[in-house]
PDB file of N, CA and C in Angstrom:
ATOM      1  N   UNK A   1      41.143 -23.900 -83.201  1.00  0.00           N
ATOM      2  CA  UNK A   1      39.421 -24.239 -83.250  1.00  0.00           C
ATOM      3  C   UNK A   1      38.560 -22.739 -83.804  1.00  0.00           C
ATOM      4  N   UNK A   2      37.661 -23.370 -84.842  1.00  0.00           N
ATOM      5  CA  UNK A   2      36.985 -21.888 -85.917  1.00  0.00           C
ATOM      6  C   UNK A   2      35.737 -21.420 -84.719  1.00  0.00           C
ATOM      7  N   UNK A   3      35.641 -20.087 -84.181  1.00  0.00           N
ATOM      8  CA  UNK A   3      35.092 -19.875 -83.268  1.00  0.00           C
ATOM      9  C   UNK A   3      34.104 -19.018 -84.236  1.00  0.00           C
ATOM     10  N   UNK A   4      33.504 -19.077 -85.492  1.00  0.00           N
ATOM     11  CA  UNK A   4      32.692 -18.403 -86.422  1.00  0.00           C
ATOM     12  C   UNK A   4      31.704 -18.955 -86.337  1.00  0.00           C
ATOM     13  N   UNK A   5      30.548 -17.971 -86.554  1.00  0.00           N
ATOM     14  CA  UNK A   5      28.789 -18.381 -85.863  1.00  0.00           C
ATOM     15  C   UNK A   5      28.104 -17.679 -87.177  1.00  0.00           C
ATOM     16  N   UNK A   6      27.794 -19.017 -87.779  1.00  0.00           N
ATOM     17  CA  UNK A   6      26.475 -18.769 -88.996  1.00  0.00           C
ATOM     18  C   UNK A   6      25.134 -18.923 -88.476  1.00  0.00           C
ATOM     19  N   UNK A   7      24.599 -18.607 -89.708  1.00  0.00           N
ATOM     20  CA  UNK A   7      23.076 -18.686 -89.164  1.00  0.00           C
ATOM     21  C   UNK A   7      22.495 -18.947 -90.587  1.00  0.00           C
ATOM     22  N   UNK A   8      21.611 -19.797 -90.594  1.00  0.00           N
ATOM     23  CA  UNK A   8      21.074 -20.625 -91.793  1.00  0.00           C
ATOM     24  C   UNK A   8      19.142 -20.797 -91.559  1.00  0.00           C
ATOM     25  N   UNK A   9      18.649 -20.055 -92.693  1.00  0.00           N
ATOM     26  CA  UNK A   9      17.368 -19.961 -92.694  1.00  0.00           C
ATOM     27  C   UNK A   9      16.954 -21.009 -93.952  1.00  0.00           C
ATOM     28  N   UNK A  10      16.564 -22.098 -93.265  1.00  0.00           N
ATOM     29  CA  UNK A  10      16.037 -23.266 -94.262  1.00  0.00           C
ATOM     30  C   UNK A  10      14.135 -23.153 -94.116  1.00  0.00           C
ATOM     31  N   UNK A  11      13.877 -24.037 -95.484  1.00  0.00           N
ATOM     32  CA  UNK A  11      12.559 -24.439 -95.540  1.00  0.00           C
ATOM     33  C   UNK A  11      12.513 -25.862 -96.134  1.00  0.00           C
ATOM     34  N   UNK A  12      11.909 -26.904 -95.261  1.00  0.00           N
ATOM     35  CA  UNK A  12      11.998 -27.869 -95.813  1.00  0.00           C
ATOM     36  C   UNK A  12      10.590 -28.649 -96.016  1.00  0.00           C
ATOM     37  N   UNK A  13      10.278 -29.496 -97.034  1.00  0.00           N
ATOM     38  CA  UNK A  13       9.223 -29.938 -97.821  1.00  0.00           C
ATOM     39  C   UNK A  13       9.384 -31.209 -98.273  1.00  0.00           C
ATOM     40  N   UNK A  14       8.042 -31.708 -98.521  1.00  0.00           N
ATOM     41  CA  UNK A  14       8.131 -33.150 -98.429  1.00  0.00           C
ATOM     42  C   UNK A  14       7.010 -33.558 -97.164  1.00  0.00           C
ATOM     43  N   UNK A  15       6.786 -34.913 -96.666  1.00  0.00           N
ATOM     44  CA  UNK A  15       6.004 -35.285 -95.720  1.00  0.00           C
ATOM     45  C   UNK A  15       6.884 -35.093 -94.248  1.00  0.00           C
ATOM     46  N   UNK A  16       6.485 -33.330 -93.948  1.00  0.00           N
ATOM     47  CA  UNK A  16       7.395 -32.981 -92.822  1.00  0.00           C
ATOM     48  C   UNK A  16       6.522 -32.546 -91.991  1.00  0.00           C
ATOM     49  N   UNK A  17       5.416 -32.779 -91.943  1.00  0.00           N
ATOM     50  CA  UNK A  17       4.195 -32.278 -90.797  1.00  0.00           C
ATOM     51  C   UNK A  17       3.674 -33.738 -90.285  1.00  0.00           C
ATOM     52  N   UNK A  18       3.034 -33.766 -89.185  1.00  0.00           N
ATOM     53  CA  UNK A  18       2.712 -34.531 -88.518  1.00  0.00           C
ATOM     54  C   UNK A  18       2.973 -36.117 -88.233  1.00  0.00           C
ATOM     55  N   UNK A  19       4.533 -35.782 -88.274  1.00  0.00           N
ATOM     56  CA  UNK A  19       5.588 -36.792 -88.234  1.00  0.00           C
ATOM     57  C   UNK A  19       6.657 -36.532 -87.413  1.00  0.00           C
ATOM     58  N   UNK A  20       6.007 -35.758 -86.027  1.00  0.00           N
ATOM     59  CA  UNK A  20       7.168 -35.120 -85.168  1.00  0.00           C
ATOM     60  C   UNK A  20       8.325 -34.862 -85.788  1.00  0.00           C
ATOM     61  N   UNK A  21       8.157 -33.724 -86.908  1.00  0.00           N
ATOM     62  CA  UNK A  21       9.375 -33.347 -87.289  1.00  0.00           C
ATOM     63  C   UNK A  21       9.992 -32.065 -86.851  1.00  0.00           C
ATOM     64  N   UNK A  22       8.779 -30.950 -86.352  1.00  0.00           N
ATOM     65  CA  UNK A  22       9.550 -29.914 -85.263  1.00  0.00           C
ATOM     66  C   UNK A  22       9.938 -30.469 -83.875  1.00  0.00           C
ATOM     67  N   UNK A  23       9.399 -31.057 -83.474  1.00  0.00           N
ATOM     68  CA  UNK A  23      10.225 -32.042 -81.844  1.00  0.00           C
ATOM     69  C   UNK A  23      10.936 -32.473 -82.351  1.00  0.00           C
ATOM     70  N   UNK A  24      11.408 -33.571 -82.983  1.00  0.00           N
ATOM     71  CA  UNK A  24      12.414 -33.833 -83.720  1.00  0.00           C
ATOM     72  C   UNK A  24      13.909 -32.941 -84.058  1.00  0.00           C
ATOM     73  N   UNK A  25      13.541 -31.687 -84.979  1.00  0.00           N
ATOM     74  CA  UNK A  25      14.592 -30.894 -84.967  1.00  0.00           C
ATOM     75  C   UNK A  25      14.671 -30.437 -83.754  1.00  0.00           C
ATOM     76  N   UNK A  26      14.089 -30.010 -82.951  1.00  0.00           N
ATOM     77  CA  UNK A  26      14.345 -29.214 -81.541  1.00  0.00           C
ATOM     78  C   UNK A  26      15.198 -29.918 -80.941  1.00  0.00           C
ATOM     79  N   UNK A  27      14.992 -31.312 -80.527  1.00  0.00           N
ATOM     80  CA  UNK A  27      16.017 -32.217 -80.302  1.00  0.00           C
ATOM     81  C   UNK A  27      17.199 -32.219 -81.013  1.00  0.00           C
ATOM     82  N   UNK A  28      17.300 -32.610 -81.833  1.00  0.00           N
ATOM     83  CA  UNK A  28      18.581 -32.549 -82.733  1.00  0.00           C
ATOM     84  C   UNK A  28      19.593 -31.443 -82.583  1.00  0.00           C
ATOM     85  N   UNK A  29      18.541 -30.352 -82.651  1.00  0.00           N
ATOM     86  CA  UNK A  29      19.153 -29.146 -82.416  1.00  0.00           C
ATOM     87  C   UNK A  29      20.146 -29.096 -80.772  1.00  0.00           C
ATOM     88  N   UNK A  30      19.174 -29.221 -80.135  1.00  0.00           N
ATOM     89  CA  UNK A  30      19.673 -28.741 -78.344  1.00  0.00           C
ATOM     90  C   UNK A  30      21.087 -29.856 -78.562  1.00  0.00           C
ATOM     91  N   UNK A  31      20.561 -31.230 -78.713  1.00  0.00           N
ATOM     92  CA  UNK A  31      22.083 -31.917 -78.633  1.00  0.00           C
ATOM     93  C   UNK A  31      23.268 -31.373 -79.252  1.00  0.00           C
ATOM     94  N   UNK A  32      23.188 -30.873 -80.878  1.00  0.00           N
ATOM     95  CA  UNK A  32      23.843 -30.496 -81.732  1.00  0.00           C
ATOM     96  C   UNK A  32      24.579 -29.094 -81.337  1.00  0.00           C
ATOM     97  N   UNK A  33      23.849 -28.244 -79.890  1.00  0.00           N
ATOM     98  CA  UNK A  33      24.250 -27.224 -79.600  1.00  0.00           C
ATOM     99  C   UNK A  33      23.872 -26.099 -80.696  1.00  0.00           C
ATOM    100  N   UNK A  34      22.955 -26.045 -81.368  1.00  0.00           N
ATOM    101  CA  UNK A  34      22.581 -25.361 -82.191  1.00  0.00           C
ATOM    102  C   UNK A  34      21.541 -24.198 -81.392  1.00  0.00           C
ATOM    103  N   UNK A  35      21.422 -22.757 -82.121  1.00  0.00           N
ATOM    104  CA  UNK A  35      20.362 -21.910 -81.312  1.00  0.00           C
ATOM    105  C   UNK A  35      19.434 -22.068 -82.398  1.00  0.00           C
ATOM    106  N   UNK A  36      18.293 -21.692 -82.337  1.00  0.00           N
ATOM    107  CA  UNK A  36      17.287 -21.125 -83.302  1.00  0.00           C
ATOM    108  C   UNK A  36      15.734 -21.614 -82.879  1.00  0.00           C
ATOM    109  N   UNK A  37      15.279 -21.846 -84.350  1.00  0.00           N
ATOM    110  CA  UNK A  37      13.827 -21.697 -83.870  1.00  0.00           C
ATOM    111  C   UNK A  37      13.123 -22.605 -85.147  1.00  0.00           C
ATOM    112  N   UNK A  38      12.004 -23.410 -84.909  1.00  0.00           N
ATOM    113  CA  UNK A  38      11.385 -24.350 -86.066  1.00  0.00           C
ATOM    114  C   UNK A  38       9.925 -23.917 -85.988  1.00  0.00           C
ATOM    115  N   UNK A  39       8.900 -24.265 -87.160  1.00  0.00           N
ATOM    116  CA  UNK A  39       7.717 -24.004 -87.027  1.00  0.00           C
ATOM    117  C   UNK A  39       7.447 -24.430 -88.665  1.00  0.00           C
ATOM    118  N   UNK A  40       5.787 -24.935 -88.425  1.00  0.00           N
ATOM    119  CA  UNK A  40       5.323 -25.313 -89.485  1.00  0.00           C
ATOM    120  C   UNK A  40       4.896 -24.277 -90.260  1.00  0.00           C
ATOM    121  N   UNK A  41       4.884 -24.561 -91.520  1.00  0.00           N
ATOM    122  CA  UNK A  41       4.012 -23.440 -92.149  1.00  0.00           C
ATOM    123  C   UNK A  41       2.750 -23.975 -93.011  1.00  0.00           C
ATOM    124  N   UNK A  42       1.915 -23.043 -93.347  1.00  0.00           N
ATOM    125  CA  UNK A  42       0.363 -23.253 -94.082  1.00  0.00           C
ATOM    126  C   UNK A  42       0.435 -24.002 -94.886  1.00  0.00           C
ATOM    127  N   UNK A  43       1.596 -24.183 -95.972  1.00  0.00           N
ATOM    128  CA  UNK A  43       1.557 -24.768 -97.390  1.00  0.00           C
ATOM    129  C   UNK A  43       2.287 -25.932 -97.163  1.00  0.00           C
ATOM    130  N   UNK A  44       2.434 -26.508 -95.911  1.00  0.00           N
ATOM    131  CA  UNK A  44       2.574 -27.893 -95.581  1.00  0.00           C
ATOM    132  C   UNK A  44       4.340 -28.439 -95.586  1.00  0.00           C
ATOM    133  N   UNK A  45       4.966 -27.205 -95.495  1.00  0.00           N
ATOM    134  CA  UNK A  45       6.542 -27.342 -95.087  1.00  0.00           C
ATOM    135  C   UNK A  45       7.038 -26.964 -93.774  1.00  0.00           C
ATOM    136  N   UNK A  46       8.159 -26.976 -93.334  1.00  0.00           N
ATOM    137  CA  UNK A  46       9.288 -27.076 -92.282  1.00  0.00           C
ATOM    138  C   UNK A  46       9.451 -25.580 -92.390  1.00  0.00           C
ATOM    139  N   UNK A  47       9.629 -24.634 -91.473  1.00  0.00           N
ATOM    140  CA  UNK A  47      10.775 -23.433 -92.089  1.00  0.00           C
ATOM    141  C   UNK A  47      11.274 -23.525 -90.777  1.00  0.00           C
ATOM    142  N   UNK A  48      12.877 -23.253 -90.449  1.00  0.00           N
ATOM    143  CA  UNK A  48      13.605 -23.357 -89.215  1.00  0.00           C
ATOM    144  C   UNK A  48      14.993 -22.058 -89.539  1.00  0.00           C
ATOM    145  N   UNK A  49      15.346 -22.043 -88.556  1.00  0.00           N
ATOM    146  CA  UNK A  49      16.317 -21.179 -88.541  1.00  0.00           C
ATOM    147  C   UNK A  49      17.514 -21.847 -87.543  1.00  0.00           C
ATOM    148  N   UNK A  50      18.701 -21.969 -87.738  1.00  0.00           N
ATOM    149  CA  UNK A  50      19.485 -22.571 -87.279  1.00  0.00           C
ATOM    150  C   UNK A  50      20.954 -21.481 -87.101  1.00  0.00           C
ATOM    151  N   UNK A  51      21.464 -21.122 -85.882  1.00  0.00           N
ATOM    152  CA  UNK A  51      22.716 -20.510 -85.512  1.00  0.00           C
ATOM    153  C   UNK A  51      23.559 -21.375 -84.348  1.00  0.00           C
ATOM    154  N   UNK A  52      24.698 -21.262 -84.930  1.00  0.00           N
ATOM    155  CA  UNK A  52      26.348 -22.239 -84.619  1.00  0.00           C
ATOM    156  C   UNK A  52      27.178 -22.293 -85.440  1.00  0.00           C
ATOM    157  N   UNK A  53      28.554 -22.985 -84.991  1.00  0.00           N
ATOM    158  CA  UNK A  53      29.153 -23.100 -85.731  1.00  0.00           C
ATOM    159  C   UNK A  53      29.055 -23.671 -87.384  1.00  0.00           C
ATOM    160  N   UNK A  54      29.647 -23.387 -87.983  1.00  0.00           N
ATOM    161  CA  UNK A  54      29.669 -23.644 -89.420  1.00  0.00           C
ATOM    162  C   UNK A  54      29.526 -25.351 -89.404  1.00  0.00           C
ATOM    163  N   UNK A  55      30.398 -25.899 -88.436  1.00  0.00           N
ATOM    164  CA  UNK A  55      30.341 -27.646 -88.432  1.00  0.00           C
ATOM    165  C   UNK A  55      28.744 -27.594 -87.676  1.00  0.00           C
ATOM    166  N   UNK A  56      28.324 -27.367 -86.630  1.00  0.00           N
ATOM    167  CA  UNK A  56      26.975 -27.565 -85.912  1.00  0.00           C
ATOM    168  C   UNK A  56      25.815 -27.417 -87.253  1.00  0.00           C
ATOM    169  N   UNK A  57      26.087 -26.352 -88.069  1.00  0.00           N
ATOM    170  CA  UNK A  57      24.718 -25.899 -89.072  1.00  0.00           C
ATOM    171  C   UNK A  57      24.796 -27.212 -90.030  1.00  0.00           C
ATOM    172  N   UNK A  58      26.286 -27.488 -90.896  1.00  0.00           N
ATOM    173  CA  UNK A  58      26.143 -28.535 -91.817  1.00  0.00           C
ATOM    174  C   UNK A  58      25.591 -30.050 -90.742  1.00  0.00           C
ATOM    175  N   UNK A  59      26.219 -30.176 -89.797  1.00  0.00           N
ATOM    176  CA  UNK A  59      25.514 -31.502 -89.034  1.00  0.00           C
ATOM    177  C   UNK A  59      23.802 -31.269 -89.118  1.00  0.00           C
ATOM    178  N   UNK A  60      23.422 -30.016 -89.042  1.00  0.00           N
ATOM    179  CA  UNK A  60      22.255 -29.493 -88.887  1.00  0.00           C
ATOM    180  C   UNK A  60      21.372 -29.975 -89.941  1.00  0.00           C
ATOM    181  N   UNK A  61      21.568 -29.320 -91.322  1.00  0.00           N
ATOM    182  CA  UNK A  61      21.212 -29.736 -92.143  1.00  0.00           C
ATOM    183  C   UNK A  61      21.357 -30.960 -93.023  1.00  0.00           C
ATOM    184  N   UNK A  62      22.233 -31.512 -92.607  1.00  0.00           N
ATOM    185  CA  UNK A  62      22.308 -33.227 -92.966  1.00  0.00           C
ATOM    186  C   UNK A  62      21.043 -33.959 -92.655  1.00  0.00           C
ATOM    187  N   UNK A  63      20.901 -33.556 -90.959  1.00  0.00           N
ATOM    188  CA  UNK A  63      20.015 -34.482 -90.385  1.00  0.00           C
ATOM    189  C   UNK A  63      18.729 -33.824 -91.061  1.00  0.00           C
ATOM    190  N   UNK A  64      18.275 -32.918 -91.476  1.00  0.00           N
ATOM    191  CA  UNK A  64      16.995 -32.454 -91.933  1.00  0.00           C
ATOM    192  C   UNK A  64      17.006 -32.791 -93.059  1.00  0.00           C
ATOM    193  N   UNK A  65      18.136 -33.522 -93.913  1.00  0.00           N
ATOM    194  CA  UNK A  65      18.139 -33.991 -95.268  1.00  0.00           C
ATOM    195  C   UNK A  65      17.182 -35.024 -95.321  1.00  0.00           C
ATOM    196  N   UNK A  66      17.598 -35.803 -93.887  1.00  0.00           N
ATOM    197  CA  UNK A  66      16.895 -37.451 -93.736  1.00  0.00           C
ATOM    198  C   UNK A  66      15.541 -36.990 -92.701  1.00  0.00           C
ATOM    199  N   UNK A  67      15.852 -36.175 -91.896  1.00  0.00           N
ATOM    200  CA  UNK A  67      14.341 -36.412 -90.911  1.00  0.00           C
ATOM    201  C   UNK A  67      14.298 -37.641 -90.098  1.00  0.00           C
ATOM    202  N   UNK A  68      13.278 -37.464 -89.494  1.00  0.00           N
ATOM    203  CA  UNK A  68      12.456 -38.420 -88.583  1.00  0.00           C
ATOM    204  C   UNK A  68      11.890 -39.369 -89.125  1.00  0.00           C
ATOM    205  N   UNK A  69      11.979 -40.914 -88.745  1.00  0.00           N
ATOM    206  CA  UNK A  69      11.523 -42.117 -89.178  1.00  0.00           C
ATOM    207  C   UNK A  69      10.384 -41.889 -90.315  1.00  0.00           C
ATOM    208  N   UNK A  70       9.482 -41.216 -90.229  1.00  0.00           N
ATOM    209  CA  UNK A  70       7.843 -41.290 -90.545  1.00  0.00           C
ATOM    210  C   UNK A  70       8.127 -39.706 -91.713  1.00  0.00           C
ATOM    211  N   UNK A  71       9.166 -39.271 -91.687  1.00  0.00           N
ATOM    212  CA  UNK A  71       9.332 -38.297 -92.346  1.00  0.00           C
ATOM    213  C   UNK A  71       9.609 -38.530 -93.881  1.00  0.00           C
ATOM    214  N   UNK A  72       9.285 -37.784 -94.867  1.00  0.00           N
ATOM    215  CA  UNK A  72       9.959 -38.278 -96.337  1.00  0.00           C
ATOM    216  C   UNK A  72      10.229 -36.774 -96.619  1.00  0.00           C
ATOM    217  N   UNK A  73      11.643 -36.493 -96.511  1.00  0.00           N
ATOM    218  CA  UNK A  73      12.297 -35.067 -97.155  1.00  0.00           C
ATOM    219  C   UNK A  73      12.434 -35.093 -98.407  1.00  0.00           C
ATOM    220  N   UNK A  74      11.651 -34.099 -99.289  1.00  0.00           N
ATOM    221  CA  UNK A  74      11.657 -33.783-100.574  1.00  0.00           C
ATOM    222  C   UNK A  74      12.920 -32.780-101.055  1.00  0.00           C
ATOM    223  N   UNK A  75      13.400 -31.404-100.027  1.00  0.00           N
ATOM    224  CA  UNK A  75      13.852 -30.779-100.458  1.00  0.00           C
ATOM    225  C   UNK A  75      14.154 -29.844 -99.019  1.00  0.00           C
ATOM    226  N   UNK A  76      15.554 -29.269 -98.893  1.00  0.00           N
ATOM    227  CA  UNK A  76      15.837 -28.443 -97.648  1.00  0.00           C
ATOM    228  C   UNK A  76      16.291 -27.076 -98.604  1.00  0.00           C
ATOM    229  N   UNK A  77      15.991 -26.216 -98.356  1.00  0.00           N
ATOM    230  CA  UNK A  77      15.724 -24.739 -99.444  1.00  0.00           C
ATOM    231  C   UNK A  77      16.587 -23.968 -98.537  1.00  0.00           C
ATOM    232  N   UNK A  78      17.390 -23.145 -98.746  1.00  0.00           N
ATOM    233  CA  UNK A  78      18.151 -22.110 -98.027  1.00  0.00           C
ATOM    234  C   UNK A  78      17.446 -21.041 -98.759  1.00  0.00           C
ATOM    235  N   UNK A  79      16.881 -20.147 -97.585  1.00  0.00           N
ATOM    236  CA  UNK A  79      16.656 -18.204 -97.606  1.00  0.00           C
ATOM    237  C   UNK A  79      18.090 -17.771 -97.195  1.00  0.00           C
ATOM    238  N   UNK A  80      18.325 -16.669 -97.872  1.00  0.00           N
ATOM    239  CA  UNK A  80      18.782 -15.906 -97.524  1.00  0.00           C
ATOM    240  C   UNK A  80      18.551 -15.490 -95.657  1.00  0.00           C
ATOM    241  N   UNK A  81      19.140 -15.441 -94.878  1.00  0.00           N
ATOM    242  CA  UNK A  81      19.643 -15.164 -93.237  1.00  0.00           C
ATOM    243  C   UNK A  81      20.469 -13.842 -93.198  1.00  0.00           C
ATOM    244  N   UNK A  82      19.849 -13.238 -92.203  1.00  0.00           N
ATOM    245  CA  UNK A  82      20.290 -12.438 -91.200  1.00  0.00           C
ATOM    246  C   UNK A  82      20.140 -12.577 -89.499  1.00  0.00           C
ATOM    247  N   UNK A  83      21.008 -11.779 -89.345  1.00  0.00           N
ATOM    248  CA  UNK A  83      21.108 -12.046 -87.208  1.00  0.00           C
ATOM    249  C   UNK A  83      19.598 -11.935 -86.775  1.00  0.00           C
ATOM    250  N   UNK A  84      18.358 -10.858 -87.240  1.00  0.00           N
ATOM    251  CA  UNK A  84      17.553 -11.052 -86.925  1.00  0.00           C
ATOM    252  C   UNK A  84      16.438 -12.007 -87.315  1.00  0.00           C
ATOM    253  N   UNK A  85      17.017 -13.150 -87.567  1.00  0.00           N
ATOM    254  CA  UNK A  85      16.098 -14.244 -87.998  1.00  0.00           C
ATOM    255  C   UNK A  85      15.625 -14.833 -86.600  1.00  0.00           C
ATOM    256  N   UNK A  86      16.954 -14.597 -85.321  1.00  0.00           N
ATOM    257  CA  UNK A  86      16.669 -15.100 -84.474  1.00  0.00           C
ATOM    258  C   UNK A  86      15.694 -14.734 -83.612  1.00  0.00           C
ATOM    259  N   UNK A  87      15.237 -13.809 -83.985  1.00  0.00           N
ATOM    260  CA  UNK A  87      14.400 -12.813 -83.293  1.00  0.00           C
ATOM    261  C   UNK A  87      13.346 -13.465 -82.915  1.00  0.00           C
ATOM    262  N   UNK A  88      12.815 -15.002 -83.494  1.00  0.00           N
ATOM    263  CA  UNK A  88      12.313 -15.769 -82.743  1.00  0.00           C
ATOM    264  C   UNK A  88      11.813 -16.612 -81.691  1.00  0.00           C
ATOM    265  N   UNK A  89      13.281 -16.657 -81.341  1.00  0.00           N
ATOM    266  CA  UNK A  89      13.735 -17.474 -80.065  1.00  0.00           C
ATOM    267  C   UNK A  89      12.889 -17.279 -79.084  1.00  0.00           C
ATOM    268  N   UNK A  90      12.030 -17.398 -78.321  1.00  0.00           N
ATOM    269  CA  UNK A  90      12.021 -17.489 -77.157  1.00  0.00           C
ATOM    270  C   UNK A  90      12.731 -16.786 -76.036  1.00  0.00           C
ATOM    271  N   UNK A  91      12.384 -16.097 -75.087  1.00  0.00           N
ATOM    272  CA  UNK A  91      13.566 -15.771 -73.940  1.00  0.00           C
ATOM    273  C   UNK A  91      13.391 -16.525 -73.301  1.00  0.00           C
ATOM    274  N   UNK A  92      14.864 -17.022 -72.761  1.00  0.00           N
ATOM    275  CA  UNK A  92      14.894 -18.100 -72.143  1.00  0.00           C
ATOM    276  C   UNK A  92      15.176 -19.692 -72.665  1.00  0.00           C
ATOM    277  N   UNK A  93      15.083 -19.444 -74.139  1.00  0.00           N
ATOM    278  CA  UNK A  93      15.225 -20.882 -74.658  1.00  0.00           C
ATOM    279  C   UNK A  93      16.337 -20.595 -75.603  1.00  0.00           C
ATOM    280  N   UNK A  94      17.139 -22.007 -75.605  1.00  0.00           N
ATOM    281  CA  UNK A  94      17.839 -21.912 -76.521  1.00  0.00           C
ATOM    282  C   UNK A  94      17.744 -22.305 -78.237  1.00  0.00           C
ATOM    283  N   UNK A  95      16.469 -23.054 -78.209  1.00  0.00           N
ATOM    284  CA  UNK A  95      15.562 -23.684 -79.523  1.00  0.00           C
ATOM    285  C   UNK A  95      14.406 -23.423 -79.321  1.00  0.00           C
ATOM    286  N   UNK A  96      13.489 -22.707 -80.233  1.00  0.00           N
ATOM    287  CA  UNK A  96      11.920 -22.494 -79.337  1.00  0.00           C
ATOM    288  C   UNK A  96      11.276 -23.222 -81.189  1.00  0.00           C
ATOM    289  N   UNK A  97      10.080 -24.124 -80.688  1.00  0.00           N
ATOM    290  CA  UNK A  97       9.098 -24.515 -81.310  1.00  0.00           C
ATOM    291  C   UNK A  97       7.910 -23.612 -81.257  1.00  0.00           C
ATOM    292  N   UNK A  98       7.725 -22.732 -82.371  1.00  0.00           N
ATOM    293  CA  UNK A  98       6.767 -21.662 -82.687  1.00  0.00           C
ATOM    294  C   UNK A  98       5.699 -22.025 -83.635  1.00  0.00           C
ATOM    295  N   UNK A  99       4.429 -21.649 -83.311  1.00  0.00           N
ATOM    296  CA  UNK A  99       3.072 -21.485 -83.846  1.00  0.00           C
ATOM    297  C   UNK A  99       3.326 -21.552 -85.619  1.00  0.00           C
ATOM    298  N   UNK A 100       2.463 -22.401 -86.250  1.00  0.00           N
ATOM    299  CA  UNK A 100       2.657 -22.767 -87.552  1.00  0.00           C
ATOM    300  C   UNK A 100       1.793 -21.012 -88.228  1.00  0.00           C
ATOM    301  N   UNK A 101       2.703 -20.929 -89.180  1.00  0.00           N
ATOM    302  CA  UNK A 101       2.058 -19.365 -90.543  1.00  0.00           C
ATOM    303  C   UNK A 101       1.604 -19.596 -91.406  1.00  0.00           C
TER     304      UNK A 101
END
């Protein structure tokens, strides 16, 4: 069994705000066992950090390419990631929905 931990920092663009995308990402992450955070960005995109096994991360990325029912995902862009990207997770939470930046 592979116990490696991966971190991915992504920006999801398209029709991804006002469609419940952040809440959907949070639910999907918790079911998948992924740690991290999600937030809206002022440019209309959604930004997220996912931490977990490579398999869990791939499951999240695949899910984000589809999005919830009313979303229309155009792109999932991966940014450089580092362990301090998880600093946004609120104390006591596994996955946090953060304020818009």
